[in-house]
């Protein structure tokens, strides 16, 4: 079996070639162990300049069908795996530098590996990245975190 990084790279290229010109982009490709099985997860997104903000179910289905057929033919993954094709969702994780610009002004939830000022979780309005630090405005003032200290940062979903 090819190494995980090679599988992720090949699948990313495969999906990118399929969605070229379709107002979609690859947000994330993961291939990892999930319990007793392996999971191949492909997350699609809309480009920042897209008229549509959300990926449709039909777009996910199209990519899933394409990948299912292509991966069977290419046989780059040995053994059994589950394929998931999805959108980042309302509570998307911010992964790329450009996400911090794109979603500046949005409410985010920040989780840290270890406590800062006695807390491991913060919620506030994202200001962006400044000198490699994630900056948010909270009810208590401004907070900034070194990226290496952040285990996860997501858009907050407020109802």
N, C-alpha and C. Protein backbone atom coordinates (compact mmCIF):
# COMPACT_ATOMS: atom_id res chain seq x y z
N UNK A 1 0.84 -1.18 0.00
CA UNK A 1 0.00 0.00 0.00
C UNK A 1 0.89 1.24 0.00
N UNK A 2 0.47 2.22 -0.76
CA UNK A 2 1.20 3.48 -0.79
C UNK A 2 1.11 4.16 0.57
N UNK A 3 2.07 4.97 0.86
CA UNK A 3 2.03 5.71 2.12
C UNK A 3 0.85 6.67 2.11
N UNK A 4 0.37 6.99 3.30
CA UNK A 4 -0.78 7.89 3.44
C UNK A 4 -0.59 9.20 2.70
N UNK A 5 0.59 9.79 2.82
CA UNK A 5 0.84 11.08 2.16
C UNK A 5 0.71 10.95 0.65
N UNK A 6 1.19 9.82 0.10
CA UNK A 6 1.08 9.60 -1.34
C UNK A 6 -0.38 9.43 -1.75
N UNK A 7 -1.13 8.70 -0.95
CA UNK A 7 -2.55 8.49 -1.25
C UNK A 7 -3.28 9.82 -1.21
N UNK A 8 -3.04 10.61 -0.17
CA UNK A 8 -3.69 11.92 -0.05
C UNK A 8 -3.32 12.80 -1.25
N UNK A 9 -2.06 12.81 -1.63
CA UNK A 9 -1.61 13.62 -2.76
C UNK A 9 -2.27 13.18 -4.06
N UNK A 10 -2.30 11.88 -4.31
CA UNK A 10 -2.91 11.35 -5.54
C UNK A 10 -4.40 11.66 -5.59
N UNK A 11 -5.09 11.51 -4.48
CA UNK A 11 -6.53 11.75 -4.44
C UNK A 11 -6.81 13.24 -4.59
N UNK A 12 -6.00 14.07 -3.98
CA UNK A 12 -6.16 15.52 -4.13
C UNK A 12 -6.04 15.90 -5.60
N UNK A 13 -5.02 15.40 -6.29
CA UNK A 13 -4.84 15.69 -7.72
C UNK A 13 -6.02 15.17 -8.53
N UNK A 14 -6.49 13.98 -8.21
CA UNK A 14 -7.62 13.37 -8.92
C UNK A 14 -8.87 14.23 -8.77
N UNK A 15 -9.17 14.65 -7.56
CA UNK A 15 -10.36 15.47 -7.32
C UNK A 15 -10.19 16.84 -7.98
N UNK A 16 -9.02 17.44 -7.85
CA UNK A 16 -8.80 18.75 -8.46
C UNK A 16 -9.00 18.71 -9.97
N UNK A 17 -8.54 17.64 -10.61
CA UNK A 17 -8.74 17.54 -12.07
C UNK A 17 -10.22 17.38 -12.41
N UNK A 18 -10.97 16.68 -11.56
CA UNK A 18 -12.40 16.47 -11.81
C UNK A 18 -13.22 17.75 -11.60
N UNK A 19 -12.86 18.55 -10.62
CA UNK A 19 -13.66 19.74 -10.29
C UNK A 19 -13.18 21.00 -11.00
N UNK A 20 -12.12 20.88 -11.79
CA UNK A 20 -11.60 22.03 -12.52
C UNK A 20 -12.72 22.67 -13.34
N UNK A 21 -12.96 23.96 -13.11
CA UNK A 21 -14.00 24.67 -13.83
C UNK A 21 -15.40 24.50 -13.26
N UNK A 22 -15.52 23.85 -12.11
CA UNK A 22 -16.84 23.58 -11.52
C UNK A 22 -17.16 24.44 -10.31
N UNK A 23 -16.47 25.54 -10.08
CA UNK A 23 -16.74 26.43 -8.95
C UNK A 23 -16.62 25.69 -7.61
N UNK A 24 -15.63 24.82 -7.53
CA UNK A 24 -15.34 24.07 -6.31
C UNK A 24 -13.84 24.06 -6.09
N UNK A 25 -13.43 23.82 -4.85
CA UNK A 25 -12.02 23.60 -4.56
C UNK A 25 -11.90 22.55 -3.46
N UNK A 26 -10.74 21.93 -3.40
CA UNK A 26 -10.47 20.94 -2.37
C UNK A 26 -10.06 21.70 -1.10
N UNK A 27 -10.79 21.46 -0.04
CA UNK A 27 -10.49 22.09 1.25
C UNK A 27 -9.57 21.19 2.08
N UNK A 28 -9.83 19.87 2.02
CA UNK A 28 -9.08 18.93 2.84
C UNK A 28 -9.25 17.52 2.29
N UNK A 29 -8.19 16.76 2.31
CA UNK A 29 -8.25 15.32 2.04
C UNK A 29 -7.53 14.63 3.19
N UNK A 30 -8.24 13.69 3.82
CA UNK A 30 -7.66 12.91 4.92
C UNK A 30 -7.83 11.43 4.61
N UNK A 31 -6.81 10.67 4.95
CA UNK A 31 -6.89 9.22 4.88
C UNK A 31 -6.32 8.72 6.20
N UNK A 32 -7.21 8.23 7.07
CA UNK A 32 -6.73 7.84 8.39
C UNK A 32 -7.56 6.69 8.96
N UNK A 33 -6.98 6.08 9.96
CA UNK A 33 -7.63 5.00 10.68
C UNK A 33 -8.74 5.60 11.54
N UNK A 34 -9.93 5.01 11.45
CA UNK A 34 -11.07 5.45 12.26
C UNK A 34 -11.68 4.20 12.88
N UNK A 35 -11.25 3.89 14.11
CA UNK A 35 -11.68 2.64 14.73
C UNK A 35 -11.01 1.48 14.00
N UNK A 36 -11.78 0.44 13.69
CA UNK A 36 -11.18 -0.71 13.01
C UNK A 36 -11.02 -0.51 11.51
N UNK A 37 -11.65 0.54 10.95
CA UNK A 37 -11.63 0.76 9.51
C UNK A 37 -10.78 1.97 9.14
N UNK A 38 -10.54 2.12 7.85
CA UNK A 38 -9.86 3.30 7.31
C UNK A 38 -10.91 4.22 6.72
N UNK A 39 -10.66 5.52 6.82
CA UNK A 39 -11.60 6.50 6.29
C UNK A 39 -10.87 7.43 5.33
N UNK A 40 -11.45 7.59 4.14
CA UNK A 40 -10.99 8.56 3.17
C UNK A 40 -12.01 9.69 3.17
N UNK A 41 -11.61 10.84 3.63
CA UNK A 41 -12.52 11.99 3.77
C UNK A 41 -12.05 13.10 2.85
N UNK A 42 -12.96 13.52 1.98
CA UNK A 42 -12.68 14.61 1.05
C UNK A 42 -13.65 15.74 1.38
N UNK A 43 -13.11 16.90 1.67
CA UNK A 43 -13.93 18.06 2.01
C UNK A 43 -13.80 19.08 0.87
N UNK A 44 -14.95 19.46 0.31
CA UNK A 44 -15.00 20.41 -0.79
C UNK A 44 -15.46 21.76 -0.28
N UNK A 45 -15.04 22.81 -0.95
CA UNK A 45 -15.44 24.16 -0.56
C UNK A 45 -15.69 24.97 -1.81
N UNK A 46 -16.31 26.11 -1.61
CA UNK A 46 -16.49 27.08 -2.68
C UNK A 46 -15.33 28.06 -2.62
N UNK A 47 -14.84 28.50 -3.78
CA UNK A 47 -13.80 29.54 -3.76
C UNK A 47 -14.35 30.81 -3.12
N UNK A 48 -13.46 31.61 -2.60
CA UNK A 48 -13.87 32.83 -1.91
C UNK A 48 -14.67 33.76 -2.82
N UNK A 49 -14.34 33.76 -4.11
CA UNK A 49 -15.03 34.66 -5.04
C UNK A 49 -16.28 34.05 -5.67
N UNK A 50 -16.70 32.91 -5.18
CA UNK A 50 -17.88 32.23 -5.74
C UNK A 50 -19.17 32.98 -5.40
N UNK A 51 -20.13 32.93 -6.31
CA UNK A 51 -21.44 33.51 -6.03
C UNK A 51 -22.19 32.67 -5.00
N UNK A 52 -21.94 31.36 -5.01
CA UNK A 52 -22.55 30.46 -4.03
C UNK A 52 -21.63 30.36 -2.83
N UNK A 53 -22.23 30.34 -1.64
CA UNK A 53 -21.41 30.23 -0.43
C UNK A 53 -21.24 28.78 0.02
N UNK A 54 -22.20 27.93 -0.34
CA UNK A 54 -22.21 26.57 0.17
C UNK A 54 -22.11 25.53 -0.94
N UNK A 55 -21.45 24.43 -0.61
CA UNK A 55 -21.35 23.28 -1.50
C UNK A 55 -22.66 22.52 -1.43
N UNK A 56 -23.19 22.12 -2.57
CA UNK A 56 -24.47 21.41 -2.59
C UNK A 56 -24.28 19.91 -2.40
N UNK A 57 -25.35 19.26 -2.02
CA UNK A 57 -25.35 17.80 -1.89
C UNK A 57 -25.03 17.17 -3.24
N UNK A 58 -25.59 17.73 -4.30
CA UNK A 58 -25.37 17.20 -5.65
C UNK A 58 -23.89 17.27 -6.03
N UNK A 59 -23.22 18.36 -5.64
CA UNK A 59 -21.78 18.48 -5.94
C UNK A 59 -20.99 17.42 -5.18
N UNK A 60 -21.35 17.17 -3.93
CA UNK A 60 -20.68 16.13 -3.15
C UNK A 60 -20.93 14.75 -3.76
N UNK A 61 -22.18 14.51 -4.16
CA UNK A 61 -22.52 13.22 -4.78
C UNK A 61 -21.74 13.00 -6.07
N UNK A 62 -21.62 14.04 -6.88
CA UNK A 62 -20.88 13.94 -8.14
C UNK A 62 -19.43 13.53 -7.88
N UNK A 63 -18.79 14.19 -6.93
CA UNK A 63 -17.39 13.88 -6.63
C UNK A 63 -17.27 12.49 -6.01
N UNK A 64 -18.22 12.11 -5.16
CA UNK A 64 -18.19 10.77 -4.55
C UNK A 64 -18.31 9.68 -5.62
N UNK A 65 -19.24 9.86 -6.56
CA UNK A 65 -19.38 8.88 -7.64
C UNK A 65 -18.11 8.79 -8.47
N UNK A 66 -17.58 9.95 -8.84
CA UNK A 66 -16.36 9.99 -9.63
C UNK A 66 -15.21 9.30 -8.90
N UNK A 67 -15.04 9.65 -7.62
CA UNK A 67 -13.96 9.05 -6.85
C UNK A 67 -14.15 7.55 -6.67
N UNK A 68 -15.37 7.13 -6.39
CA UNK A 68 -15.65 5.70 -6.22
C UNK A 68 -15.24 4.91 -7.45
N UNK A 69 -15.65 5.39 -8.61
CA UNK A 69 -15.29 4.70 -9.87
C UNK A 69 -13.80 4.78 -10.15
N UNK A 70 -13.22 5.95 -9.98
CA UNK A 70 -11.80 6.15 -10.28
C UNK A 70 -10.90 5.34 -9.35
N UNK A 71 -11.22 5.34 -8.07
CA UNK A 71 -10.38 4.61 -7.11
C UNK A 71 -10.47 3.11 -7.33
N UNK A 72 -11.63 2.62 -7.75
CA UNK A 72 -11.74 1.20 -8.08
C UNK A 72 -10.84 0.86 -9.26
N UNK A 73 -10.82 1.73 -10.27
CA UNK A 73 -10.00 1.50 -11.47
C UNK A 73 -8.51 1.64 -11.18
N UNK A 74 -8.14 2.66 -10.42
CA UNK A 74 -6.72 2.94 -10.15
C UNK A 74 -6.13 2.01 -9.11
N UNK A 75 -6.95 1.52 -8.20
CA UNK A 75 -6.53 0.59 -7.16
C UNK A 75 -5.30 1.10 -6.39
N UNK A 76 -5.38 2.35 -5.91
CA UNK A 76 -4.25 2.92 -5.16
C UNK A 76 -4.37 2.70 -3.66
N UNK A 77 -5.54 2.21 -3.22
CA UNK A 77 -5.73 1.93 -1.79
C UNK A 77 -6.01 0.45 -1.64
N UNK A 78 -5.15 -0.23 -0.88
CA UNK A 78 -5.36 -1.64 -0.59
C UNK A 78 -6.38 -1.78 0.52
N UNK A 79 -7.18 -2.79 0.45
CA UNK A 79 -8.09 -3.07 1.55
C UNK A 79 -9.34 -2.21 1.54
N UNK A 80 -10.08 -2.35 2.61
CA UNK A 80 -11.37 -1.69 2.75
C UNK A 80 -11.22 -0.30 3.37
N UNK A 81 -12.04 0.62 2.92
CA UNK A 81 -12.07 1.96 3.48
C UNK A 81 -13.46 2.55 3.25
N UNK A 82 -13.81 3.53 4.04
CA UNK A 82 -15.06 4.26 3.87
C UNK A 82 -14.74 5.59 3.22
N UNK A 83 -15.53 5.96 2.20
CA UNK A 83 -15.34 7.22 1.50
C UNK A 83 -16.41 8.20 1.95
N UNK A 84 -15.97 9.39 2.35
CA UNK A 84 -16.88 10.47 2.71
C UNK A 84 -16.50 11.70 1.89
N UNK A 85 -17.49 12.29 1.22
CA UNK A 85 -17.29 13.54 0.51
C UNK A 85 -18.28 14.52 1.11
N UNK A 86 -17.78 15.65 1.58
CA UNK A 86 -18.64 16.57 2.32
C UNK A 86 -18.17 18.01 2.16
N UNK A 87 -18.95 18.93 2.70
CA UNK A 87 -18.56 20.33 2.75
C UNK A 87 -17.99 20.61 4.14
N UNK A 88 -17.32 21.74 4.32
CA UNK A 88 -16.75 22.05 5.63
C UNK A 88 -17.81 22.27 6.71
N UNK A 89 -19.03 22.61 6.34
CA UNK A 89 -20.09 22.81 7.30
C UNK A 89 -20.09 24.20 7.90
N UNK A 90 -21.13 24.50 8.65
CA UNK A 90 -21.27 25.81 9.27
C UNK A 90 -20.17 26.06 10.30
N UNK A 91 -19.73 25.00 10.96
CA UNK A 91 -18.70 25.13 12.00
C UNK A 91 -17.32 24.75 11.48
N UNK A 92 -17.07 25.11 10.25
CA UNK A 92 -15.82 24.73 9.59
C UNK A 92 -14.59 25.04 10.43
N UNK A 93 -13.63 24.15 10.33
CA UNK A 93 -12.34 24.40 10.97
C UNK A 93 -11.53 25.31 10.06
N UNK A 94 -10.85 26.26 10.65
CA UNK A 94 -9.99 27.16 9.88
C UNK A 94 -8.61 26.52 9.81
N UNK A 95 -8.18 26.18 8.61
CA UNK A 95 -6.95 25.43 8.42
C UNK A 95 -5.86 26.21 7.71
N UNK A 96 -6.26 26.97 6.72
CA UNK A 96 -5.29 27.64 5.85
C UNK A 96 -5.17 29.11 6.23
N UNK A 97 -4.02 29.70 5.94
CA UNK A 97 -3.81 31.12 6.24
C UNK A 97 -4.93 31.97 5.66
N UNK A 98 -5.33 31.66 4.45
CA UNK A 98 -6.36 32.48 3.80
C UNK A 98 -7.71 32.40 4.51
N UNK A 99 -7.95 31.32 5.27
CA UNK A 99 -9.20 31.21 6.04
C UNK A 99 -9.29 32.33 7.08
N UNK A 100 -8.15 32.76 7.60
CA UNK A 100 -8.15 33.78 8.65
C UNK A 100 -8.45 35.17 8.09
N UNK A 101 -8.19 35.35 6.81
CA UNK A 101 -8.58 36.59 6.14
C UNK A 101 -10.03 36.50 5.69
N UNK A 102 -10.37 35.39 5.09
CA UNK A 102 -11.72 35.19 4.56
C UNK A 102 -12.80 35.31 5.64
N UNK A 103 -12.51 34.81 6.83
CA UNK A 103 -13.52 34.78 7.89
C UNK A 103 -13.27 35.79 9.01
N UNK A 104 -12.41 36.77 8.74
CA UNK A 104 -12.21 37.86 9.70
C UNK A 104 -13.56 38.53 9.93
N UNK A 105 -13.85 38.83 11.18
CA UNK A 105 -15.13 39.44 11.54
C UNK A 105 -16.18 38.42 11.96
N UNK A 106 -15.89 37.14 11.78
CA UNK A 106 -16.82 36.08 12.17
C UNK A 106 -16.53 35.62 13.60
N UNK A 107 -17.54 35.06 14.24
CA UNK A 107 -17.39 34.51 15.58
C UNK A 107 -16.71 33.15 15.49
N UNK A 108 -15.67 32.94 16.30
CA UNK A 108 -14.91 31.69 16.27
C UNK A 108 -14.77 31.10 17.67
N UNK A 109 -14.50 29.80 17.72
CA UNK A 109 -14.18 29.10 18.96
C UNK A 109 -12.76 28.58 18.83
N UNK A 110 -11.95 28.89 19.81
CA UNK A 110 -10.54 28.50 19.81
C UNK A 110 -10.30 27.52 20.95
N UNK A 111 -9.68 26.39 20.64
CA UNK A 111 -9.32 25.41 21.66
C UNK A 111 -7.80 25.28 21.68
N UNK A 112 -7.24 25.36 22.87
CA UNK A 112 -5.80 25.31 23.05
C UNK A 112 -5.35 23.96 23.59
N UNK A 113 -4.11 23.62 23.33
CA UNK A 113 -3.53 22.40 23.89
C UNK A 113 -3.37 22.52 25.41
N UNK A 114 -2.95 23.70 25.85
CA UNK A 114 -2.79 23.91 27.29
C UNK A 114 -3.37 25.28 27.64
N UNK A 115 -3.74 25.44 28.87
CA UNK A 115 -4.45 26.64 29.32
C UNK A 115 -3.61 27.91 29.16
N UNK A 116 -4.32 28.99 28.84
CA UNK A 116 -3.75 30.33 28.80
C UNK A 116 -4.67 31.20 29.64
N UNK A 117 -4.12 31.90 30.60
CA UNK A 117 -4.93 32.69 31.53
C UNK A 117 -5.99 31.83 32.21
N UNK A 118 -5.63 30.57 32.47
CA UNK A 118 -6.52 29.66 33.18
C UNK A 118 -7.62 29.03 32.34
N UNK A 119 -7.60 29.26 31.02
CA UNK A 119 -8.64 28.72 30.14
C UNK A 119 -8.03 28.00 28.94
N UNK A 120 -8.74 26.97 28.48
CA UNK A 120 -8.31 26.25 27.27
C UNK A 120 -9.23 26.53 26.09
N UNK A 121 -10.37 27.18 26.34
CA UNK A 121 -11.32 27.48 25.26
C UNK A 121 -11.69 28.95 25.31
N UNK A 122 -11.74 29.54 24.12
CA UNK A 122 -12.08 30.95 23.99
C UNK A 122 -13.07 31.11 22.85
N UNK A 123 -13.91 32.11 22.95
CA UNK A 123 -14.81 32.46 21.87
C UNK A 123 -14.71 33.96 21.64
N UNK A 124 -14.68 34.35 20.39
CA UNK A 124 -14.60 35.77 20.09
C UNK A 124 -14.68 36.02 18.60
N UNK A 125 -14.58 37.27 18.24
CA UNK A 125 -14.63 37.68 16.84
C UNK A 125 -13.21 37.63 16.27
N UNK A 126 -13.07 36.92 15.18
CA UNK A 126 -11.76 36.75 14.55
C UNK A 126 -11.29 38.06 13.93
N UNK A 127 -10.13 38.49 14.33
CA UNK A 127 -9.49 39.65 13.68
C UNK A 127 -8.62 39.18 12.53
N UNK A 128 -7.98 38.01 12.70
CA UNK A 128 -7.14 37.47 11.65
C UNK A 128 -5.84 36.95 12.20
N UNK A 129 -4.87 36.80 11.30
CA UNK A 129 -3.51 36.38 11.65
C UNK A 129 -2.62 37.62 11.66
N UNK A 130 -1.89 37.79 12.73
CA UNK A 130 -0.95 38.90 12.82
C UNK A 130 0.38 38.35 13.31
N UNK A 131 1.38 38.39 12.46
CA UNK A 131 2.71 37.87 12.77
C UNK A 131 2.65 36.42 13.25
N UNK A 132 1.84 35.61 12.57
CA UNK A 132 1.74 34.19 12.90
C UNK A 132 0.90 33.88 14.11
N UNK A 133 0.22 34.87 14.65
CA UNK A 133 -0.63 34.67 15.82
C UNK A 133 -2.09 34.89 15.43
N UNK A 134 -2.95 34.05 15.97
CA UNK A 134 -4.38 34.17 15.76
C UNK A 134 -4.90 35.20 16.76
N UNK A 135 -5.58 36.21 16.26
CA UNK A 135 -6.06 37.30 17.11
C UNK A 135 -7.58 37.32 17.08
N UNK A 136 -8.18 37.36 18.29
CA UNK A 136 -9.63 37.46 18.41
C UNK A 136 -9.99 38.54 19.43
N UNK A 137 -11.17 39.11 19.25
CA UNK A 137 -11.72 40.03 20.23
C UNK A 137 -12.75 39.28 21.05
N UNK A 138 -12.58 39.25 22.37
CA UNK A 138 -13.52 38.59 23.27
C UNK A 138 -14.25 39.64 24.09
N UNK A 139 -15.20 39.20 24.88
CA UNK A 139 -15.91 40.11 25.79
C UNK A 139 -14.95 40.74 26.80
N UNK A 140 -13.85 40.04 27.08
CA UNK A 140 -12.88 40.51 28.07
C UNK A 140 -11.73 41.30 27.46
N UNK A 141 -11.75 41.49 26.15
CA UNK A 141 -10.66 42.19 25.47
C UNK A 141 -10.09 41.38 24.34
N UNK A 142 -8.90 41.72 23.91
CA UNK A 142 -8.26 41.03 22.81
C UNK A 142 -7.39 39.89 23.32
N UNK A 143 -7.43 38.76 22.61
CA UNK A 143 -6.58 37.61 22.91
C UNK A 143 -5.81 37.26 21.64
N UNK A 144 -4.59 36.78 21.80
CA UNK A 144 -3.84 36.28 20.65
C UNK A 144 -3.15 34.98 21.05
N UNK A 145 -3.06 34.09 20.08
CA UNK A 145 -2.52 32.75 20.33
C UNK A 145 -1.54 32.37 19.23
N UNK A 146 -0.43 31.80 19.63
CA UNK A 146 0.50 31.25 18.66
C UNK A 146 -0.17 30.05 18.00
N UNK A 147 -0.07 29.92 16.70
CA UNK A 147 -0.76 28.83 15.99
C UNK A 147 -0.39 27.45 16.53
N UNK A 148 0.85 27.30 16.95
CA UNK A 148 1.28 25.98 17.44
C UNK A 148 0.59 25.60 18.75
N UNK A 149 0.05 26.59 19.46
CA UNK A 149 -0.64 26.33 20.72
C UNK A 149 -2.13 26.04 20.55
N UNK A 150 -2.64 26.24 19.33
CA UNK A 150 -4.07 26.06 19.05
C UNK A 150 -4.31 24.65 18.52
N UNK A 151 -5.13 23.88 19.24
CA UNK A 151 -5.44 22.53 18.78
C UNK A 151 -6.51 22.57 17.69
N UNK A 152 -7.41 23.58 17.77
CA UNK A 152 -8.49 23.66 16.80
C UNK A 152 -9.13 25.04 16.87
N UNK A 153 -9.48 25.58 15.71
CA UNK A 153 -10.24 26.82 15.64
C UNK A 153 -11.33 26.63 14.59
N UNK A 154 -12.57 26.87 15.03
CA UNK A 154 -13.74 26.68 14.18
C UNK A 154 -14.60 27.94 14.17
N UNK A 155 -15.38 28.09 13.10
CA UNK A 155 -16.41 29.11 13.12
C UNK A 155 -17.44 28.66 14.16
N UNK A 156 -17.92 29.60 14.94
CA UNK A 156 -18.92 29.30 15.97
C UNK A 156 -20.31 29.30 15.31
N UNK A 157 -21.15 28.38 15.74
CA UNK A 157 -22.52 28.33 15.25
C UNK A 157 -23.41 28.85 16.36
N UNK A 158 -24.11 29.93 16.08
CA UNK A 158 -24.96 30.55 17.06
C UNK A 158 -26.40 30.50 16.55
N UNK A 159 -27.30 29.99 17.39
CA UNK A 159 -28.71 29.92 17.01
C UNK A 159 -29.51 30.93 17.76
